[in-house]
C-alpha cells in the first residue's frame, strides 16, 4: 500500500469517508439530470464542491463524535 504511518489513519479514514459520502449525495442530487446528458458534469462539480467543504468537517468532528458515542455506550 502507500505506507502512510498508522498515526495518520484518522485522516486517511476521513479522506475516504467524506469522499464516498459526498459522491453518493452528489449523485442523488444530480439524478434529475440523468436524461439530459449533463449528469456527469453536474455530479463532478457537486461532488468536488461538497467534498472540499465536508473534508474538514469530518476530520474535526470525528474525534468529538467518537468521544460522544463512547460516553453514551458502555462495555459489555
PDB file of N, CA and C in Angstrom:
ATOM      1  N   UNK A   1       0.834  -1.186   0.000  1.00  0.00           N
ATOM      2  CA  UNK A   1       0.000   0.000   0.000  1.00  0.00           C
ATOM      3  C   UNK A   1       0.884   1.257   0.000  1.00  0.00           C
ATOM      4  N   UNK A   2       0.328   2.366   0.460  1.00  0.00           N
ATOM      5  CA  UNK A   2       1.045   3.636   0.416  1.00  0.00           C
ATOM      6  C   UNK A   2       2.090   3.796   1.506  1.00  0.00           C
ATOM      7  N   UNK A   3       1.977   3.053   2.581  1.00  0.00           N
ATOM      8  CA  UNK A   3       2.936   3.162   3.657  1.00  0.00           C
ATOM      9  C   UNK A   3       2.755   4.392   4.532  1.00  0.00           C
ATOM     10  N   UNK A   4       1.543   4.906   4.622  1.00  0.00           N
ATOM     11  CA  UNK A   4       1.256   6.050   5.480  1.00  0.00           C
ATOM     12  C   UNK A   4       1.308   5.562   6.927  1.00  0.00           C
ATOM     13  N   UNK A   5       2.008   6.269   7.801  1.00  0.00           N
ATOM     14  CA  UNK A   5       2.087   5.837   9.203  1.00  0.00           C
ATOM     15  C   UNK A   5       0.701   5.729   9.848  1.00  0.00           C
ATOM     16  N   UNK A   6       0.550   4.726  10.700  1.00  0.00           N
ATOM     17  CA  UNK A   6      -0.733   4.438  11.344  1.00  0.00           C
ATOM     18  C   UNK A   6      -1.264   5.623  12.139  1.00  0.00           C
ATOM     19  N   UNK A   7      -0.390   6.475  12.644  1.00  0.00           N
ATOM     20  CA  UNK A   7      -0.862   7.608  13.449  1.00  0.00           C
ATOM     21  C   UNK A   7      -1.699   8.591  12.616  1.00  0.00           C
ATOM     22  N   UNK A   8      -1.645   8.478  11.300  1.00  0.00           N
ATOM     23  CA  UNK A   8      -2.446   9.324  10.419  1.00  0.00           C
ATOM     24  C   UNK A   8      -3.700   8.616   9.906  1.00  0.00           C
ATOM     25  N   UNK A   9      -4.017   7.467  10.477  1.00  0.00           N
ATOM     26  CA  UNK A   9      -5.165   6.700   9.979  1.00  0.00           C
ATOM     27  C   UNK A   9      -6.473   7.470  10.106  1.00  0.00           C
ATOM     28  N   UNK A  10      -6.583   8.328  11.113  1.00  0.00           N
ATOM     29  CA  UNK A  10      -7.792   9.145  11.267  1.00  0.00           C
ATOM     30  C   UNK A  10      -7.999  10.028  10.037  1.00  0.00           C
ATOM     31  N   UNK A  11      -6.932  10.612   9.535  1.00  0.00           N
ATOM     32  CA  UNK A  11      -7.029  11.482   8.361  1.00  0.00           C
ATOM     33  C   UNK A  11      -7.333  10.686   7.098  1.00  0.00           C
ATOM     34  N   UNK A  12      -6.727   9.519   6.969  1.00  0.00           N
ATOM     35  CA  UNK A  12      -6.988   8.662   5.810  1.00  0.00           C
ATOM     36  C   UNK A  12      -8.444   8.221   5.819  1.00  0.00           C
ATOM     37  N   UNK A  13      -8.932   7.817   6.987  1.00  0.00           N
ATOM     38  CA  UNK A  13     -10.331   7.416   7.123  1.00  0.00           C
ATOM     39  C   UNK A  13     -11.261   8.570   6.750  1.00  0.00           C
ATOM     40  N   UNK A  14     -10.994   9.744   7.282  1.00  0.00           N
ATOM     41  CA  UNK A  14     -11.825  10.915   6.985  1.00  0.00           C
ATOM     42  C   UNK A  14     -11.808  11.284   5.520  1.00  0.00           C
ATOM     43  N   UNK A  15     -10.640  11.163   4.885  1.00  0.00           N
ATOM     44  CA  UNK A  15     -10.494  11.443   3.460  1.00  0.00           C
ATOM     45  C   UNK A  15     -11.383  10.507   2.641  1.00  0.00           C
ATOM     46  N   UNK A  16     -11.304   9.213   2.936  1.00  0.00           N
ATOM     47  CA  UNK A  16     -12.083   8.213   2.194  1.00  0.00           C
ATOM     48  C   UNK A  16     -13.572   8.351   2.497  1.00  0.00           C
ATOM     49  N   UNK A  17     -13.907   8.464   3.776  1.00  0.00           N
ATOM     50  CA  UNK A  17     -15.317   8.522   4.174  1.00  0.00           C
ATOM     51  C   UNK A  17     -16.012   9.754   3.610  1.00  0.00           C
ATOM     52  N   UNK A  18     -15.382  10.909   3.700  1.00  0.00           N
ATOM     53  CA  UNK A  18     -16.018  12.125   3.191  1.00  0.00           C
ATOM     54  C   UNK A  18     -16.140  12.084   1.674  1.00  0.00           C
ATOM     55  N   UNK A  19     -15.148  11.548   1.000  1.00  0.00           N
ATOM     56  CA  UNK A  19     -15.218  11.439  -0.459  1.00  0.00           C
ATOM     57  C   UNK A  19     -16.344  10.538  -0.919  1.00  0.00           C
ATOM     58  N   UNK A  20     -16.486   9.389  -0.268  1.00  0.00           N
ATOM     59  CA  UNK A  20     -17.545   8.451  -0.636  1.00  0.00           C
ATOM     60  C   UNK A  20     -18.924   9.019  -0.321  1.00  0.00           C
ATOM     61  N   UNK A  21     -19.085   9.592   0.855  1.00  0.00           N
ATOM     62  CA  UNK A  21     -20.371  10.168   1.234  1.00  0.00           C
ATOM     63  C   UNK A  21     -20.783  11.287   0.291  1.00  0.00           C
ATOM     64  N   UNK A  22     -19.855  12.159  -0.048  1.00  0.00           N
ATOM     65  CA  UNK A  22     -20.166  13.267  -0.957  1.00  0.00           C
ATOM     66  C   UNK A  22     -20.461  12.766  -2.362  1.00  0.00           C
ATOM     67  N   UNK A  23     -19.790  11.702  -2.786  1.00  0.00           N
ATOM     68  CA  UNK A  23     -20.059  11.133  -4.116  1.00  0.00           C
ATOM     69  C   UNK A  23     -21.487  10.614  -4.205  1.00  0.00           C
ATOM     70  N   UNK A  24     -21.931   9.921  -3.170  1.00  0.00           N
ATOM     71  CA  UNK A  24     -23.303   9.395  -3.161  1.00  0.00           C
ATOM     72  C   UNK A  24     -24.316  10.538  -3.094  1.00  0.00           C
ATOM     73  N   UNK A  25     -24.081  11.510  -2.211  1.00  0.00           N
ATOM     74  CA  UNK A  25     -25.020  12.635  -2.087  1.00  0.00           C
ATOM     75  C   UNK A  25     -25.088  13.448  -3.382  1.00  0.00           C
ATOM     76  N   UNK A  26     -23.953  13.673  -4.022  1.00  0.00           N
ATOM     77  CA  UNK A  26     -23.941  14.428  -5.279  1.00  0.00           C
ATOM     78  C   UNK A  26     -24.651  13.653  -6.387  1.00  0.00           C
ATOM     79  N   UNK A  27     -24.508  12.337  -6.401  1.00  0.00           N
ATOM     80  CA  UNK A  27     -25.204  11.525  -7.408  1.00  0.00           C
ATOM     81  C   UNK A  27     -26.717  11.606  -7.211  1.00  0.00           C
ATOM     82  N   UNK A  28     -27.157  11.554  -5.960  1.00  0.00           N
ATOM     83  CA  UNK A  28     -28.594  11.657  -5.684  1.00  0.00           C
ATOM     84  C   UNK A  28     -29.109  13.034  -6.095  1.00  0.00           C
ATOM     85  N   UNK A  29     -28.368  14.082  -5.780  1.00  0.00           N
ATOM     86  CA  UNK A  29     -28.794  15.435  -6.142  1.00  0.00           C
ATOM     87  C   UNK A  29     -28.759  15.655  -7.647  1.00  0.00           C
ATOM     88  N   UNK A  30     -27.874  14.970  -8.349  1.00  0.00           N
ATOM     89  CA  UNK A  30     -27.734  15.148  -9.798  1.00  0.00           C
ATOM     90  C   UNK A  30     -28.636  14.220 -10.602  1.00  0.00           C
ATOM     91  N   UNK A  31     -29.283  13.281  -9.962  1.00  0.00           N
ATOM     92  CA  UNK A  31     -30.094  12.290 -10.671  1.00  0.00           C
ATOM     93  C   UNK A  31     -31.120  12.886 -11.628  1.00  0.00           C
ATOM     94  N   UNK A  32     -31.798  14.005 -11.289  1.00  0.00           N
ATOM     95  CA  UNK A  32     -32.759  14.570 -12.241  1.00  0.00           C
ATOM     96  C   UNK A  32     -32.125  14.946 -13.590  1.00  0.00           C
ATOM     97  N   UNK A  33     -30.829  15.114 -13.650  1.00  0.00           N
ATOM     98  CA  UNK A  33     -30.164  15.477 -14.900  1.00  0.00           C
ATOM     99  C   UNK A  33     -29.715  14.261 -15.706  1.00  0.00           C
ATOM    100  N   UNK A  34     -30.040  13.068 -15.243  1.00  0.00           N
ATOM    101  CA  UNK A  34     -29.582  11.842 -15.903  1.00  0.00           C
ATOM    102  C   UNK A  34     -30.030  11.770 -17.360  1.00  0.00           C
ATOM    103  N   UNK A  35     -31.230  12.211 -17.652  1.00  0.00           N
ATOM    104  CA  UNK A  35     -31.742  12.134 -19.020  1.00  0.00           C
ATOM    105  C   UNK A  35     -31.255  13.244 -19.928  1.00  0.00           C
ATOM    106  N   UNK A  36     -30.727  14.309 -19.367  1.00  0.00           N
ATOM    107  CA  UNK A  36     -30.343  15.461 -20.180  1.00  0.00           C
ATOM    108  C   UNK A  36     -28.919  15.387 -20.713  1.00  0.00           C
ATOM    109  N   UNK A  37     -28.144  14.427 -20.238  1.00  0.00           N
ATOM    110  CA  UNK A  37     -26.760  14.319 -20.674  1.00  0.00           C
ATOM    111  C   UNK A  37     -25.792  15.179 -19.891  1.00  0.00           C
ATOM    112  N   UNK A  38     -26.275  15.857 -18.862  1.00  0.00           N
ATOM    113  CA  UNK A  38     -25.425  16.726 -18.048  1.00  0.00           C
ATOM    114  C   UNK A  38     -25.109  16.122 -16.676  1.00  0.00           C
ATOM    115  N   UNK A  39     -25.505  14.875 -16.482  1.00  0.00           N
ATOM    116  CA  UNK A  39     -25.350  14.248 -15.173  1.00  0.00           C
ATOM    117  C   UNK A  39     -23.895  14.221 -14.707  1.00  0.00           C
ATOM    118  N   UNK A  40     -22.992  13.748 -15.549  1.00  0.00           N
ATOM    119  CA  UNK A  40     -21.598  13.565 -15.136  1.00  0.00           C
ATOM    120  C   UNK A  40     -20.937  14.901 -14.784  1.00  0.00           C
ATOM    121  N   UNK A  41     -21.172  15.921 -15.603  1.00  0.00           N
ATOM    122  CA  UNK A  41     -20.574  17.229 -15.334  1.00  0.00           C
ATOM    123  C   UNK A  41     -21.136  17.811 -14.041  1.00  0.00           C
ATOM    124  N   UNK A  42     -22.450  17.766 -13.888  1.00  0.00           N
ATOM    125  CA  UNK A  42     -23.081  18.297 -12.676  1.00  0.00           C
ATOM    126  C   UNK A  42     -22.640  17.509 -11.453  1.00  0.00           C
ATOM    127  N   UNK A  43     -22.622  16.177 -11.575  1.00  0.00           N
ATOM    128  CA  UNK A  43     -22.205  15.335 -10.459  1.00  0.00           C
ATOM    129  C   UNK A  43     -20.761  15.644 -10.060  1.00  0.00           C
ATOM    130  N   UNK A  44     -19.880  15.766 -11.012  1.00  0.00           N
ATOM    131  CA  UNK A  44     -18.476  16.055 -10.713  1.00  0.00           C
ATOM    132  C   UNK A  44     -18.283  17.372  -9.987  1.00  0.00           C
ATOM    133  N   UNK A  45     -18.963  18.388 -10.447  1.00  0.00           N
ATOM    134  CA  UNK A  45     -18.868  19.703  -9.783  1.00  0.00           C
ATOM    135  C   UNK A  45     -19.468  19.659  -8.378  1.00  0.00           C
ATOM    136  N   UNK A  46     -20.644  19.040  -8.272  1.00  0.00           N
ATOM    137  CA  UNK A  46     -21.308  18.947  -6.968  1.00  0.00           C
ATOM    138  C   UNK A  46     -20.464  18.135  -5.993  1.00  0.00           C
ATOM    139  N   UNK A  47     -19.879  17.027  -6.476  1.00  0.00           N
ATOM    140  CA  UNK A  47     -19.041  16.196  -5.612  1.00  0.00           C
ATOM    141  C   UNK A  47     -17.819  16.969  -5.133  1.00  0.00           C
ATOM    142  N   UNK A  48     -17.115  17.625  -6.028  1.00  0.00           N
ATOM    143  CA  UNK A  48     -15.902  18.340  -5.652  1.00  0.00           C
ATOM    144  C   UNK A  48     -16.203  19.451  -4.647  1.00  0.00           C
ATOM    145  N   UNK A  49     -17.230  20.225  -4.898  1.00  0.00           N
ATOM    146  CA  UNK A  49     -17.588  21.319  -4.003  1.00  0.00           C
ATOM    147  C   UNK A  49     -17.972  20.787  -2.625  1.00  0.00           C
ATOM    148  N   UNK A  50     -18.835  19.775  -2.590  1.00  0.00           N
ATOM    149  CA  UNK A  50     -19.279  19.247  -1.299  1.00  0.00           C
ATOM    150  C   UNK A  50     -18.140  18.549  -0.570  1.00  0.00           C
ATOM    151  N   UNK A  51     -17.255  17.876  -1.283  1.00  0.00           N
ATOM    152  CA  UNK A  51     -16.136  17.187  -0.636  1.00  0.00           C
ATOM    153  C   UNK A  51     -15.152  18.186  -0.026  1.00  0.00           C
ATOM    154  N   UNK A  52     -14.880  19.270  -0.750  1.00  0.00           N
ATOM    155  CA  UNK A  52     -13.975  20.284  -0.206  1.00  0.00           C
ATOM    156  C   UNK A  52     -14.530  20.915   1.067  1.00  0.00           C
ATOM    157  N   UNK A  53     -15.847  21.012   1.160  1.00  0.00           N
ATOM    158  CA  UNK A  53     -16.459  21.558   2.367  1.00  0.00           C
ATOM    159  C   UNK A  53     -16.558  20.525   3.484  1.00  0.00           C
ATOM    160  N   UNK A  54     -16.828  19.269   3.145  1.00  0.00           N
ATOM    161  CA  UNK A  54     -17.051  18.243   4.158  1.00  0.00           C
ATOM    162  C   UNK A  54     -15.775  17.640   4.730  1.00  0.00           C
ATOM    163  N   UNK A  55     -14.702  17.623   3.978  1.00  0.00           N
ATOM    164  CA  UNK A  55     -13.476  17.002   4.477  1.00  0.00           C
ATOM    165  C   UNK A  55     -13.024  17.607   5.806  1.00  0.00           C
ATOM    166  N   UNK A  56     -12.914  18.921   5.941  1.00  0.00           N
ATOM    167  CA  UNK A  56     -12.514  19.465   7.248  1.00  0.00           C
ATOM    168  C   UNK A  56     -13.539  19.185   8.346  1.00  0.00           C
ATOM    169  N   UNK A  57     -14.818  19.195   7.989  1.00  0.00           N
ATOM    170  CA  UNK A  57     -15.855  18.907   8.981  1.00  0.00           C
ATOM    171  C   UNK A  57     -15.681  17.492   9.520  1.00  0.00           C
ATOM    172  N   UNK A  58     -15.485  16.538   8.623  1.00  0.00           N
ATOM    173  CA  UNK A  58     -15.318  15.149   9.040  1.00  0.00           C
ATOM    174  C   UNK A  58     -14.054  14.989   9.872  1.00  0.00           C
ATOM    175  N   UNK A  59     -12.959  15.581   9.445  1.00  0.00           N
ATOM    176  CA  UNK A  59     -11.698  15.417  10.163  1.00  0.00           C
ATOM    177  C   UNK A  59     -11.759  15.984  11.574  1.00  0.00           C
ATOM    178  N   UNK A  60     -12.457  17.091  11.748  1.00  0.00           N
ATOM    179  CA  UNK A  60     -12.522  17.708  13.070  1.00  0.00           C
ATOM    180  C   UNK A  60     -13.685  17.199  13.915  1.00  0.00           C
ATOM    181  N   UNK A  61     -14.759  16.759  13.284  1.00  0.00           N
ATOM    182  CA  UNK A  61     -15.924  16.287  14.031  1.00  0.00           C
ATOM    183  C   UNK A  61     -15.782  14.835  14.473  1.00  0.00           C
ATOM    184  N   UNK A  62     -15.068  14.021  13.738  1.00  0.00           N
ATOM    185  CA  UNK A  62     -14.977  12.592  14.050  1.00  0.00           C
ATOM    186  C   UNK A  62     -14.478  12.318  15.465  1.00  0.00           C
ATOM    187  N   UNK A  63     -13.410  12.961  15.937  1.00  0.00           N
ATOM    188  CA  UNK A  63     -12.979  12.679  17.311  1.00  0.00           C
ATOM    189  C   UNK A  63     -14.029  13.061  18.365  1.00  0.00           C
ATOM    190  N   UNK A  64     -14.732  14.156  18.126  1.00  0.00           N
ATOM    191  CA  UNK A  64     -15.779  14.589  19.055  1.00  0.00           C
ATOM    192  C   UNK A  64     -16.924  13.577  19.034  1.00  0.00           C
ATOM    193  N   UNK A  65     -17.317  13.152  17.858  1.00  0.00           N
ATOM    194  CA  UNK A  65     -18.402  12.176  17.728  1.00  0.00           C
ATOM    195  C   UNK A  65     -17.996  10.854  18.376  1.00  0.00           C
ATOM    196  N   UNK A  66     -16.743  10.439  18.191  1.00  0.00           N
ATOM    197  CA  UNK A  66     -16.265   9.194  18.795  1.00  0.00           C
ATOM    198  C   UNK A  66     -16.326   9.277  20.320  1.00  0.00           C
ATOM    199  N   UNK A  67     -15.902  10.405  20.900  1.00  0.00           N
ATOM    200  CA  UNK A  67     -15.964  10.568  22.353  1.00  0.00           C
ATOM    201  C   UNK A  67     -17.412  10.597  22.846  1.00  0.00           C
ATOM    202  N   UNK A  68     -18.289  11.258  22.100  1.00  0.00           N
ATOM    203  CA  UNK A  68     -19.702  11.298  22.465  1.00  0.00           C
ATOM    204  C   UNK A  68     -20.312   9.894  22.426  1.00  0.00           C
ATOM    205  N   UNK A  69     -20.008   9.140  21.391  1.00  0.00           N
ATOM    206  CA  UNK A  69     -20.515   7.765  21.284  1.00  0.00           C
ATOM    207  C   UNK A  69     -19.982   6.899  22.417  1.00  0.00           C
ATOM    208  N   UNK A  70     -18.717   7.069  22.775  1.00  0.00           N
ATOM    209  CA  UNK A  70     -18.148   6.318  23.895  1.00  0.00           C
ATOM    210  C   UNK A  70     -18.837   6.686  25.210  1.00  0.00           C
ATOM    211  N   UNK A  71     -19.180   7.971  25.377  1.00  0.00           N
ATOM    212  CA  UNK A  71     -19.852   8.416  26.597  1.00  0.00           C
ATOM    213  C   UNK A  71     -21.287   7.878  26.684  1.00  0.00           C
ATOM    214  N   UNK A  72     -21.901   7.644  25.548  1.00  0.00           N
ATOM    215  CA  UNK A  72     -23.292   7.186  25.527  1.00  0.00           C
ATOM    216  C   UNK A  72     -23.421   5.669  25.585  1.00  0.00           C
ATOM    217  N   UNK A  73     -22.316   4.943  25.472  1.00  0.00           N
ATOM    218  CA  UNK A  73     -22.370   3.491  25.476  1.00  0.00           C
ATOM    219  C   UNK A  73     -21.501   2.951  26.594  1.00  0.00           C
ATOM    220  N   UNK A  74     -21.587   1.654  26.810  1.00  0.00           N
ATOM    221  CA  UNK A  74     -20.791   1.015  27.855  1.00  0.00           C
ATOM    222  C   UNK A  74     -20.193  -0.280  27.329  1.00  0.00           C
ATOM    223  N   UNK A  75     -19.171  -0.744  28.024  1.00  0.00           N
ATOM    224  CA  UNK A  75     -18.573  -2.040  27.699  1.00  0.00           C
ATOM    225  C   UNK A  75     -19.559  -3.146  28.075  1.00  0.00           C
ATOM    226  N   UNK A  76     -19.545  -4.235  27.334  1.00  0.00           N
ATOM    227  CA  UNK A  76     -20.444  -5.343  27.681  1.00  0.00           C
ATOM    228  C   UNK A  76     -19.749  -6.327  28.584  1.00  0.00           C
TER     229      UNK A  76
END
